[in-house]
C-alpha atoms as a PDB file:
ATOM      1  CA  MET A   1      17.702   5.107   0.295  1.00  0.00           C
ATOM      2  CA  ALA A   2      17.118   8.486   2.532  1.00  0.00           C
ATOM      3  CA  ASP A   3      15.601  10.037  -0.652  1.00  0.00           C
ATOM      4  CA  LEU A   4      13.304   7.442  -1.633  1.00  0.00           C
ATOM      5  CA  GLN A   5      12.535   7.311   2.074  1.00  0.00           C
ATOM      6  CA  ALA A   6      11.321  11.178   1.723  1.00  0.00           C
ATOM      7  CA  SER A   7       9.657  10.885  -1.621  1.00  0.00           C
ATOM      8  CA  PHE A   8       7.749   7.940   0.359  1.00  0.00           C
ATOM      9  CA  GLU A   9       6.907   9.921   3.690  1.00  0.00           C
ATOM     10  CA  ALA A  10       5.840  12.376   1.255  1.00  0.00           C
ATOM     11  CA  ALA A  11       3.460  10.453  -1.071  1.00  0.00           C
ATOM     12  CA  VAL A  12       2.034   9.280   1.870  1.00  0.00           C
ATOM     13  CA  ALA A  13       0.767  12.554   3.423  1.00  0.00           C
ATOM     14  CA  ALA A  14      -0.247  13.173  -0.243  1.00  0.00           C
ATOM     15  CA  SER A  15      -2.662  10.229   0.164  1.00  0.00           C
ATOM     16  CA  LYS A  16      -4.624  11.855   2.677  1.00  0.00           C
ATOM     17  CA  SER A  17      -5.316  14.630   0.438  1.00  0.00           C
ATOM     18  CA  LEU A  18      -6.086  13.624  -2.787  1.00  0.00           C
ATOM     19  CA  SER A  19      -9.637  15.633  -4.690  1.00  0.00           C
ATOM     20  CA  GLU A  20     -11.264  11.921  -5.185  1.00  0.00           C
ATOM     21  CA  ARG A  21     -11.093   8.436  -3.128  1.00  0.00           C
ATOM     22  CA  PRO A  22     -10.147   5.811  -4.836  1.00  0.00           C
ATOM     23  CA  ASP A  23     -11.548   2.836  -5.884  1.00  0.00           C
ATOM     24  CA  ASN A  24     -11.670   0.163  -3.334  1.00  0.00           C
ATOM     25  CA  GLN A  25      -9.329  -1.846  -5.786  1.00  0.00           C
ATOM     26  CA  THR A  26      -6.633   0.753  -5.614  1.00  0.00           C
ATOM     27  CA  LEU A  27      -7.280   1.278  -1.829  1.00  0.00           C
ATOM     28  CA  LEU A  28      -6.031  -2.157  -1.504  1.00  0.00           C
ATOM     29  CA  GLN A  29      -3.605  -1.904  -3.630  1.00  0.00           C
ATOM     30  CA  LEU A  30      -2.065   1.266  -1.353  1.00  0.00           C
ATOM     31  CA  TYR A  31      -2.858  -0.528   1.504  1.00  0.00           C
ATOM     32  CA  ALA A  32      -0.766  -3.225   0.543  1.00  0.00           C
ATOM     33  CA  LEU A  33       2.232  -1.183  -0.897  1.00  0.00           C
ATOM     34  CA  PHE A  34       2.225   0.282   2.540  1.00  0.00           C
ATOM     35  CA  LYS A  35       2.176  -2.564   4.722  1.00  0.00           C
ATOM     36  CA  GLN A  36       4.854  -4.251   2.190  1.00  0.00           C
ATOM     37  CA  ALA A  37       7.719  -1.347   2.252  1.00  0.00           C
ATOM     38  CA  THR A  38       6.659  -0.224   5.902  1.00  0.00           C
ATOM     39  CA  THR A  39       6.209  -4.007   7.389  1.00  0.00           C
ATOM     40  CA  GLY A  40       7.452  -6.188   4.823  1.00  0.00           C
ATOM     41  CA  ASP A  41       5.951  -9.835   4.279  1.00  0.00           C
ATOM     42  CA  ALA A  42       2.022 -10.179   5.134  1.00  0.00           C
ATOM     43  CA  GLU A  43       2.553 -12.893   8.093  1.00  0.00           C
ATOM     44  CA  GLY A  44      -0.029 -14.512  10.633  1.00  0.00           C
ATOM     45  CA  LYS A  45      -3.271 -15.616  10.292  1.00  0.00           C
ATOM     46  CA  ARG A  46      -5.926 -14.704   7.656  1.00  0.00           C
ATOM     47  CA  PRO A  47      -9.004 -13.069   8.983  1.00  0.00           C
ATOM     48  CA  GLY A  48     -11.778 -15.070   8.617  1.00  0.00           C
ATOM     49  CA  PHE A  49     -15.074 -14.578   6.919  1.00  0.00           C
ATOM     50  CA  GLY A  50     -16.220 -12.525   9.455  1.00  0.00           C
ATOM     51  CA  ASP A  51     -14.127  -9.656   9.077  1.00  0.00           C
ATOM     52  CA  MET A  52     -14.308  -9.436   5.459  1.00  0.00           C
ATOM     53  CA  VAL A  53     -12.326  -5.918   4.786  1.00  0.00           C
ATOM     54  CA  GLY A  54      -9.690  -7.045   7.031  1.00  0.00           C
ATOM     55  CA  ARG A  55      -9.593 -10.150   4.878  1.00  0.00           C
ATOM     56  CA  ALA A  56      -9.434  -8.679   1.814  1.00  0.00           C
ATOM     57  CA  LYS A  57      -6.285  -6.505   2.822  1.00  0.00           C
ATOM     58  CA  PHE A  58      -4.856  -9.640   4.107  1.00  0.00           C
ATOM     59  CA  ASP A  59      -5.166 -10.867   0.641  1.00  0.00           C
ATOM     60  CA  ALA A  60      -4.398  -8.092  -1.295  1.00  0.00           C
ATOM     61  CA  TRP A  61      -0.838  -7.499   1.055  1.00  0.00           C
ATOM     62  CA  ALA A  62       0.092 -11.467   0.531  1.00  0.00           C
ATOM     63  CA  ALA A  63      -0.673 -11.180  -3.377  1.00  0.00           C
ATOM     64  CA  ILE A  64       2.922  -8.506  -3.043  1.00  0.00           C
ATOM     65  CA  LYS A  65       4.680 -11.213  -1.128  1.00  0.00           C
ATOM     66  CA  GLY A  66       8.415 -10.811  -1.966  1.00  0.00           C
ATOM     67  CA  THR A  67       8.452  -7.508  -3.028  1.00  0.00           C
ATOM     68  CA  GLY A  68      11.596  -5.438  -2.135  1.00  0.00           C
ATOM     69  CA  LYS A  69      11.074  -2.525   0.608  1.00  0.00           C
ATOM     70  CA  ALA A  70      12.550   0.311  -1.871  1.00  0.00           C
ATOM     71  CA  ASP A  71       9.976  -1.460  -5.107  1.00  0.00           C
ATOM     72  CA  ALA A  72       7.004  -1.464  -2.986  1.00  0.00           C
ATOM     73  CA  MET A  73       7.936   2.536  -2.181  1.00  0.00           C
ATOM     74  CA  GLN A  74       8.337   3.620  -5.378  1.00  0.00           C
ATOM     75  CA  ARG A  75       5.196   1.402  -6.657  1.00  0.00           C
ATOM     76  CA  TYR A  76       3.422   3.488  -3.812  1.00  0.00           C
ATOM     77  CA  ILE A  77       4.760   6.649  -5.234  1.00  0.00           C
ATOM     78  CA  ALA A  78       4.317   6.215  -9.029  1.00  0.00           C
ATOM     79  CA  LEU A  79       0.527   4.706  -7.768  1.00  0.00           C
ATOM     80  CA  ILE A  80      -0.024   8.302  -5.553  1.00  0.00           C
ATOM     81  CA  ASP A  81       1.206  10.049  -8.237  1.00  0.00           C
ATOM     82  CA  SER A  82      -0.995   8.961 -10.901  1.00  0.00           C
ATOM     83  CA  LEU A  83      -3.919   9.584  -8.826  1.00  0.00           C
ATOM     84  CA  LYS A  84      -2.804  13.065  -8.313  1.00  0.00           C
ATOM     85  CA  GLY A  85      -2.911  13.717 -11.733  1.00  0.00           C
END
């Protein structure tokens, strides 16, 4: 797990220096996987209509509810690797 954690942290750092900004759908995917890996399942109230960005982020995160921490980390790392390509 320590190797996975180190790889995840490296991917998070790499996400800040991608050559191109990913599209919004990919950004939502990255956000959801990051939150799932670091916080676990989405909890709390879904943001209201006045907060469209917060609502989209919450929905993306809630869509992967039940995904394990290690699986979310691996999927995040794979997605970052594909974007670096």
